[in-house]
All heavy atoms as atom14 arrays in JSON, in Angstrom:
{
  "sequence": "ALDDLISAMDVSRRQTDRLAKLYFGASPKYLQRKY",
  "atom14_mask": [
    [1, 1, 1, 1, 1, 0, 0, 0, 0, 0, 0, 0, 0, 0],
    [1, 1, 1, 1, 1, 1, 1, 1, 0, 0, 0, 0, 0, 0],
    [1, 1, 1, 1, 1, 1, 1, 1, 0, 0, 0, 0, 0, 0],
    [1, 1, 1, 1, 1, 1, 1, 1, 0, 0, 0, 0, 0, 0],
    [1, 1, 1, 1, 1, 1, 1, 1, 0, 0, 0, 0, 0, 0],
    [1, 1, 1, 1, 1, 1, 1, 1, 0, 0, 0, 0, 0, 0],
    [1, 1, 1, 1, 1, 1, 0, 0, 0, 0, 0, 0, 0, 0],
    [1, 1, 1, 1, 1, 0, 0, 0, 0, 0, 0, 0, 0, 0],
    [1, 1, 1, 1, 1, 1, 1, 1, 0, 0, 0, 0, 0, 0],
    [1, 1, 1, 1, 1, 1, 1, 1, 0, 0, 0, 0, 0, 0],
    [1, 1, 1, 1, 1, 1, 1, 0, 0, 0, 0, 0, 0, 0],
    [1, 1, 1, 1, 1, 1, 0, 0, 0, 0, 0, 0, 0, 0],
    [1, 1, 1, 1, 1, 1, 1, 1, 1, 1, 1, 0, 0, 0],
    [1, 1, 1, 1, 1, 1, 1, 1, 1, 1, 1, 0, 0, 0],
    [1, 1, 1, 1, 1, 1, 1, 1, 1, 0, 0, 0, 0, 0],
    [1, 1, 1, 1, 1, 1, 1, 0, 0, 0, 0, 0, 0, 0],
    [1, 1, 1, 1, 1, 1, 1, 1, 0, 0, 0, 0, 0, 0],
    [1, 1, 1, 1, 1, 1, 1, 1, 1, 1, 1, 0, 0, 0],
    [1, 1, 1, 1, 1, 1, 1, 1, 0, 0, 0, 0, 0, 0],
    [1, 1, 1, 1, 1, 0, 0, 0, 0, 0, 0, 0, 0, 0],
    [1, 1, 1, 1, 1, 1, 1, 1, 1, 0, 0, 0, 0, 0],
    [1, 1, 1, 1, 1, 1, 1, 1, 0, 0, 0, 0, 0, 0],
    [1, 1, 1, 1, 1, 1, 1, 1, 1, 1, 1, 1, 0, 0],
    [1, 1, 1, 1, 1, 1, 1, 1, 1, 1, 1, 0, 0, 0],
    [1, 1, 1, 1, 0, 0, 0, 0, 0, 0, 0, 0, 0, 0],
    [1, 1, 1, 1, 1, 0, 0, 0, 0, 0, 0, 0, 0, 0],
    [1, 1, 1, 1, 1, 1, 0, 0, 0, 0, 0, 0, 0, 0],
    [1, 1, 1, 1, 1, 1, 1, 0, 0, 0, 0, 0, 0, 0],
    [1, 1, 1, 1, 1, 1, 1, 1, 1, 0, 0, 0, 0, 0],
    [1, 1, 1, 1, 1, 1, 1, 1, 1, 1, 1, 1, 0, 0],
    [1, 1, 1, 1, 1, 1, 1, 1, 0, 0, 0, 0, 0, 0],
    [1, 1, 1, 1, 1, 1, 1, 1, 1, 0, 0, 0, 0, 0],
    [1, 1, 1, 1, 1, 1, 1, 1, 1, 1, 1, 0, 0, 0],
    [1, 1, 1, 1, 1, 1, 1, 1, 1, 0, 0, 0, 0, 0],
    [1, 1, 1, 1, 1, 1, 1, 1, 1, 1, 1, 1, 0, 0]
  ],
  "atom14_positions": [
    [[37.73, 14.82, 26.92], [36.64, 13.97, 27.4], [35.49, 13.96, 26.38], [35.28, 14.91, 25.59], [36.2, 14.37, 28.75], [0.0, 0.0, 0.0], [0.0, 0.0, 0.0], [0.0, 0.0, 0.0], [0.0, 0.0, 0.0], [0.0, 0.0, 0.0], [0.0, 0.0, 0.0], [0.0, 0.0, 0.0], [0.0, 0.0, 0.0], [0.0, 0.0, 0.0]],
    [[34.71, 12.93, 26.41], [33.54, 12.85, 25.53], [32.59, 13.95, 25.74], [31.98, 14.52, 24.82], [32.84, 11.46, 25.69], [33.65, 10.28, 25.14], [33.03, 8.95, 25.6], [33.8, 10.29, 23.67], [0.0, 0.0, 0.0], [0.0, 0.0, 0.0], [0.0, 0.0, 0.0], [0.0, 0.0, 0.0], [0.0, 0.0, 0.0], [0.0, 0.0, 0.0]],
    [[32.45, 14.41, 26.99], [31.48, 15.47, 27.27], [32.02, 16.79, 26.67], [31.2, 17.64, 26.23], [31.35, 15.68, 28.78], [30.49, 14.56, 29.48], [29.72, 13.9, 28.72], [30.55, 14.43, 30.67], [0.0, 0.0, 0.0], [0.0, 0.0, 0.0], [0.0, 0.0, 0.0], [0.0, 0.0, 0.0], [0.0, 0.0, 0.0], [0.0, 0.0, 0.0]],
    [[33.32, 16.99, 26.59], [33.9, 18.14, 25.94], [33.54, 18.15, 24.43], [33.28, 19.18, 23.88], [35.37, 18.21, 26.13], [35.81, 18.49, 27.55], [34.96, 19.08, 28.29], [36.86, 18.02, 27.95], [0.0, 0.0, 0.0], [0.0, 0.0, 0.0], [0.0, 0.0, 0.0], [0.0, 0.0, 0.0], [0.0, 0.0, 0.0], [0.0, 0.0, 0.0]],
    [[33.49, 17.0, 23.88], [33.15, 16.86, 22.45], [31.69, 17.26, 22.26], [31.38, 18.03, 21.27], [33.39, 15.35, 21.94], [32.83, 15.1, 20.55], [33.47, 15.94, 19.47], [32.96, 13.6, 20.23], [0.0, 0.0, 0.0], [0.0, 0.0, 0.0], [0.0, 0.0, 0.0], [0.0, 0.0, 0.0], [0.0, 0.0, 0.0], [0.0, 0.0, 0.0]],
    [[30.83, 16.83, 23.08], [29.42, 17.1, 22.88], [29.24, 18.63, 23.03], [28.42, 19.2, 22.19], [28.57, 16.43, 23.96], [28.76, 14.84, 23.86], [27.05, 16.76, 23.81], [28.43, 14.27, 22.56], [0.0, 0.0, 0.0], [0.0, 0.0, 0.0], [0.0, 0.0, 0.0], [0.0, 0.0, 0.0], [0.0, 0.0, 0.0], [0.0, 0.0, 0.0]],
    [[29.91, 19.26, 23.94], [29.75, 20.64, 24.02], [30.32, 21.41, 22.8], [29.69, 22.35, 22.34], [30.59, 21.17, 25.22], [30.03, 20.65, 26.46], [0.0, 0.0, 0.0], [0.0, 0.0, 0.0], [0.0, 0.0, 0.0], [0.0, 0.0, 0.0], [0.0, 0.0, 0.0], [0.0, 0.0, 0.0], [0.0, 0.0, 0.0], [0.0, 0.0, 0.0]],
    [[31.43, 20.95, 22.25], [32.01, 21.59, 21.09], [31.17, 21.36, 19.84], [31.09, 22.23, 18.97], [33.44, 21.01, 20.83], [0.0, 0.0, 0.0], [0.0, 0.0, 0.0], [0.0, 0.0, 0.0], [0.0, 0.0, 0.0], [0.0, 0.0, 0.0], [0.0, 0.0, 0.0], [0.0, 0.0, 0.0], [0.0, 0.0, 0.0], [0.0, 0.0, 0.0]],
    [[30.48, 20.24, 19.79], [29.66, 19.93, 18.57], [28.37, 20.69, 18.56], [27.81, 20.98, 17.45], [29.32, 18.43, 18.53], [30.54, 17.54, 18.21], [30.99, 17.6, 16.45], [29.6, 16.76, 15.75], [0.0, 0.0, 0.0], [0.0, 0.0, 0.0], [0.0, 0.0, 0.0], [0.0, 0.0, 0.0], [0.0, 0.0, 0.0], [0.0, 0.0, 0.0]],
    [[27.84, 21.09, 19.68], [26.6, 21.84, 19.8], [25.39, 21.1, 19.15], [24.54, 21.7, 18.57], [26.79, 23.21, 19.17], [25.65, 24.2, 19.63], [25.16, 24.02, 20.69], [25.36, 25.12, 18.76], [0.0, 0.0, 0.0], [0.0, 0.0, 0.0], [0.0, 0.0, 0.0], [0.0, 0.0, 0.0], [0.0, 0.0, 0.0], [0.0, 0.0, 0.0]],
    [[25.46, 19.76, 19.21], [24.34, 18.95, 18.74], [24.19, 17.84, 19.82], [24.96, 17.69, 20.7], [24.54, 18.35, 17.37], [24.61, 19.42, 16.28], [25.78, 17.44, 17.28], [0.0, 0.0, 0.0], [0.0, 0.0, 0.0], [0.0, 0.0, 0.0], [0.0, 0.0, 0.0], [0.0, 0.0, 0.0], [0.0, 0.0, 0.0], [0.0, 0.0, 0.0]],
    [[23.11, 17.07, 19.68], [22.84, 16.03, 20.73], [23.95, 14.96, 20.62], [24.64, 14.8, 19.62], [21.48, 15.42, 20.44], [21.5, 14.67, 19.28], [0.0, 0.0, 0.0], [0.0, 0.0, 0.0], [0.0, 0.0, 0.0], [0.0, 0.0, 0.0], [0.0, 0.0, 0.0], [0.0, 0.0, 0.0], [0.0, 0.0, 0.0], [0.0, 0.0, 0.0]],
    [[23.96, 14.21, 21.73], [24.95, 13.01, 21.78], [24.65, 12.02, 20.66], [25.54, 11.5, 20.04], [24.88, 12.4, 23.14], [25.95, 11.33, 23.41], [25.85, 10.78, 24.8], [26.13, 11.81, 25.83], [27.35, 12.0, 26.31], [28.41, 11.33, 25.91], [27.53, 12.96, 27.25], [0.0, 0.0, 0.0], [0.0, 0.0, 0.0], [0.0, 0.0, 0.0]],
    [[23.35, 11.81, 20.4], [22.92, 10.84, 19.4], [23.37, 11.37, 17.97], [23.88, 10.58, 17.2], [21.38, 10.67, 19.47], [20.91, 9.68, 18.41], [19.43, 9.41, 18.61], [18.94, 8.46, 17.66], [17.68, 8.05, 17.62], [16.81, 8.49, 18.55], [17.27, 7.16, 16.73], [0.0, 0.0, 0.0], [0.0, 0.0, 0.0], [0.0, 0.0, 0.0]],
    [[23.18, 12.69, 17.77], [23.66, 13.3, 16.5], [25.14, 13.22, 16.29], [25.68, 12.94, 15.22], [23.1, 14.72, 16.37], [23.44, 15.4, 15.03], [22.58, 14.9, 13.91], [21.93, 13.89, 13.97], [22.55, 15.64, 12.79], [0.0, 0.0, 0.0], [0.0, 0.0, 0.0], [0.0, 0.0, 0.0], [0.0, 0.0, 0.0], [0.0, 0.0, 0.0]],
    [[25.86, 13.49, 17.43], [27.35, 13.39, 17.41], [27.77, 11.98, 17.04], [28.69, 11.82, 16.22], [27.9, 13.8, 18.74], [27.54, 15.18, 19.04], [29.39, 13.65, 18.79], [0.0, 0.0, 0.0], [0.0, 0.0, 0.0], [0.0, 0.0, 0.0], [0.0, 0.0, 0.0], [0.0, 0.0, 0.0], [0.0, 0.0, 0.0], [0.0, 0.0, 0.0]],
    [[27.11, 10.95, 17.62], [27.46, 9.58, 17.28], [27.22, 9.3, 15.87], [28.0, 8.64, 15.14], [26.6, 8.68, 18.2], [27.0, 7.21, 18.12], [27.99, 6.9, 18.74], [26.29, 6.43, 17.42], [0.0, 0.0, 0.0], [0.0, 0.0, 0.0], [0.0, 0.0, 0.0], [0.0, 0.0, 0.0], [0.0, 0.0, 0.0], [0.0, 0.0, 0.0]],
    [[26.13, 9.78, 15.31], [25.85, 9.54, 13.91], [26.82, 10.17, 12.91], [27.26, 9.62, 11.97], [24.41, 10.09, 13.55], [23.91, 9.75, 12.11], [22.6, 10.45, 11.79], [22.86, 11.89, 11.58], [23.31, 12.37, 10.37], [23.57, 11.51, 9.34], [23.46, 13.65, 10.2], [0.0, 0.0, 0.0], [0.0, 0.0, 0.0], [0.0, 0.0, 0.0]],
    [[27.26, 11.43, 13.25], [28.26, 12.13, 12.47], [29.63, 11.42, 12.54], [30.28, 11.33, 11.55], [28.36, 13.55, 12.89], [27.15, 14.47, 12.56], [27.3, 15.82, 13.22], [27.04, 14.65, 11.03], [0.0, 0.0, 0.0], [0.0, 0.0, 0.0], [0.0, 0.0, 0.0], [0.0, 0.0, 0.0], [0.0, 0.0, 0.0], [0.0, 0.0, 0.0]],
    [[29.98, 10.94, 13.67], [31.22, 10.25, 13.86], [31.25, 8.96, 12.96], [32.3, 8.68, 12.35], [31.44, 9.86, 15.29], [0.0, 0.0, 0.0], [0.0, 0.0, 0.0], [0.0, 0.0, 0.0], [0.0, 0.0, 0.0], [0.0, 0.0, 0.0], [0.0, 0.0, 0.0], [0.0, 0.0, 0.0], [0.0, 0.0, 0.0], [0.0, 0.0, 0.0]],
    [[30.21, 8.28, 12.94], [30.15, 7.03, 12.1], [30.12, 7.39, 10.58], [30.79, 6.68, 9.83], [28.87, 6.24, 12.48], [28.99, 5.6, 13.84], [27.68, 4.86, 14.27], [27.81, 4.21, 15.66], [26.54, 3.56, 16.04], [0.0, 0.0, 0.0], [0.0, 0.0, 0.0], [0.0, 0.0, 0.0], [0.0, 0.0, 0.0], [0.0, 0.0, 0.0]],
    [[29.39, 8.44, 10.26], [29.29, 8.86, 8.85], [30.63, 9.24, 8.28], [31.0, 8.86, 7.2], [28.3, 10.03, 8.73], [28.12, 10.64, 7.31], [27.45, 9.58, 6.38], [27.34, 11.9, 7.37], [0.0, 0.0, 0.0], [0.0, 0.0, 0.0], [0.0, 0.0, 0.0], [0.0, 0.0, 0.0], [0.0, 0.0, 0.0], [0.0, 0.0, 0.0]],
    [[31.42, 9.98, 9.05], [32.66, 10.54, 8.53], [33.95, 9.74, 8.87], [34.92, 9.67, 8.18], [32.91, 11.93, 8.98], [32.04, 12.89, 8.2], [30.85, 13.39, 8.72], [32.42, 13.37, 6.91], [30.02, 14.23, 8.03], [31.61, 14.25, 6.2], [30.44, 14.7, 6.75], [29.71, 15.55, 5.98], [0.0, 0.0, 0.0], [0.0, 0.0, 0.0]],
    [[33.94, 9.09, 10.06], [35.07, 8.42, 10.63], [34.94, 6.91, 10.85], [35.86, 6.23, 11.16], [35.48, 9.09, 11.92], [35.89, 10.49, 11.75], [34.92, 11.45, 12.05], [37.11, 10.91, 11.35], [35.21, 12.85, 11.88], [37.43, 12.24, 11.2], [36.49, 13.23, 11.45], [0.0, 0.0, 0.0], [0.0, 0.0, 0.0], [0.0, 0.0, 0.0]],
    [[33.75, 6.4, 10.69], [33.53, 4.96, 10.68], [33.18, 4.23, 11.96], [32.97, 3.11, 11.99], [0.0, 0.0, 0.0], [0.0, 0.0, 0.0], [0.0, 0.0, 0.0], [0.0, 0.0, 0.0], [0.0, 0.0, 0.0], [0.0, 0.0, 0.0], [0.0, 0.0, 0.0], [0.0, 0.0, 0.0], [0.0, 0.0, 0.0], [0.0, 0.0, 0.0]],
    [[33.11, 5.0, 13.08], [32.86, 4.4, 14.37], [32.37, 5.46, 15.36], [32.35, 6.64, 15.02], [34.15, 3.78, 14.93], [0.0, 0.0, 0.0], [0.0, 0.0, 0.0], [0.0, 0.0, 0.0], [0.0, 0.0, 0.0], [0.0, 0.0, 0.0], [0.0, 0.0, 0.0], [0.0, 0.0, 0.0], [0.0, 0.0, 0.0], [0.0, 0.0, 0.0]],
    [[31.91, 5.01, 16.5], [31.38, 5.93, 17.53], [32.52, 6.78, 18.1], [33.66, 6.41, 18.04], [30.75, 5.16, 18.65], [31.74, 4.45, 19.37], [0.0, 0.0, 0.0], [0.0, 0.0, 0.0], [0.0, 0.0, 0.0], [0.0, 0.0, 0.0], [0.0, 0.0, 0.0], [0.0, 0.0, 0.0], [0.0, 0.0, 0.0], [0.0, 0.0, 0.0]],
    [[32.19, 7.95, 18.68], [33.3, 8.79, 19.31], [34.05, 7.98, 20.36], [35.3, 8.19, 20.42], [32.5, 9.92, 19.95], [31.27, 10.06, 19.1], [30.89, 8.66, 18.72], [0.0, 0.0, 0.0], [0.0, 0.0, 0.0], [0.0, 0.0, 0.0], [0.0, 0.0, 0.0], [0.0, 0.0, 0.0], [0.0, 0.0, 0.0], [0.0, 0.0, 0.0]],
    [[33.38, 7.16, 21.16], [34.11, 6.46, 22.24], [35.13, 5.51, 21.59], [36.29, 5.38, 22.08], [33.15, 5.68, 23.11], [33.78, 5.07, 24.26], [32.69, 4.55, 25.27], [33.38, 3.98, 26.55], [32.37, 3.46, 27.53], [0.0, 0.0, 0.0], [0.0, 0.0, 0.0], [0.0, 0.0, 0.0], [0.0, 0.0, 0.0], [0.0, 0.0, 0.0]],
    [[34.83, 4.8, 20.53], [35.68, 3.9, 19.95], [36.84, 4.66, 19.19], [37.96, 4.28, 19.29], [35.0, 3.02, 18.9], [35.83, 1.83, 18.45], [35.74, 0.66, 19.13], [36.74, 1.91, 17.39], [36.56, -0.45, 18.73], [37.52, 0.84, 17.02], [37.43, -0.32, 17.71], [38.2, -1.37, 17.34], [0.0, 0.0, 0.0], [0.0, 0.0, 0.0]],
    [[36.47, 5.77, 18.54], [37.5, 6.57, 17.86], [38.5, 7.13, 18.9], [39.65, 7.26, 18.57], [36.85, 7.72, 17.07], [36.01, 7.28, 15.85], [35.21, 8.46, 15.35], [36.93, 6.67, 14.79], [0.0, 0.0, 0.0], [0.0, 0.0, 0.0], [0.0, 0.0, 0.0], [0.0, 0.0, 0.0], [0.0, 0.0, 0.0], [0.0, 0.0, 0.0]],
    [[38.05, 7.47, 20.09], [38.89, 8.02, 21.13], [39.95, 6.94, 21.39], [41.19, 7.26, 21.53], [38.11, 8.33, 22.33], [38.84, 8.97, 23.48], [38.03, 9.19, 24.68], [37.36, 8.28, 25.22], [38.08, 10.38, 25.27], [0.0, 0.0, 0.0], [0.0, 0.0, 0.0], [0.0, 0.0, 0.0], [0.0, 0.0, 0.0], [0.0, 0.0, 0.0]],
    [[39.57, 5.63, 21.54], [40.58, 4.61, 21.79], [41.59, 4.52, 20.67], [42.75, 4.39, 20.87], [39.83, 3.27, 21.98], [39.03, 3.15, 23.19], [38.24, 1.81, 23.24], [39.11, 0.7, 23.03], [38.85, -0.5, 22.55], [37.57, -0.65, 22.07], [39.69, -1.44, 22.43], [0.0, 0.0, 0.0], [0.0, 0.0, 0.0], [0.0, 0.0, 0.0]],
    [[41.0, 4.53, 19.38], [41.88, 4.35, 18.21], [42.97, 5.44, 18.18], [44.14, 5.21, 17.99], [41.04, 4.35, 17.01], [41.77, 4.35, 15.65], [40.81, 4.34, 14.49], [41.45, 4.5, 13.13], [40.59, 4.43, 11.94], [0.0, 0.0, 0.0], [0.0, 0.0, 0.0], [0.0, 0.0, 0.0], [0.0, 0.0, 0.0], [0.0, 0.0, 0.0]],
    [[42.5, 6.74, 18.33], [43.43, 7.83, 18.14], [44.37, 8.03, 19.35], [45.45, 8.45, 19.18], [42.59, 9.1, 17.9], [42.22, 9.11, 16.44], [41.05, 8.51, 15.98], [43.07, 9.72, 15.45], [40.7, 8.51, 14.68], [42.78, 9.72, 14.12], [41.57, 9.09, 13.72], [41.28, 9.07, 12.34], [0.0, 0.0, 0.0], [0.0, 0.0, 0.0]]
  ]
}
């Protein structure tokens, strides 16, 4: 789940979203659908 990702990342949801876009090209929610 997305909440599990936030816990594992140990940064804010906004920062997690930024990192997902920087390295993988999209938000975590969209990447979840893709993968």
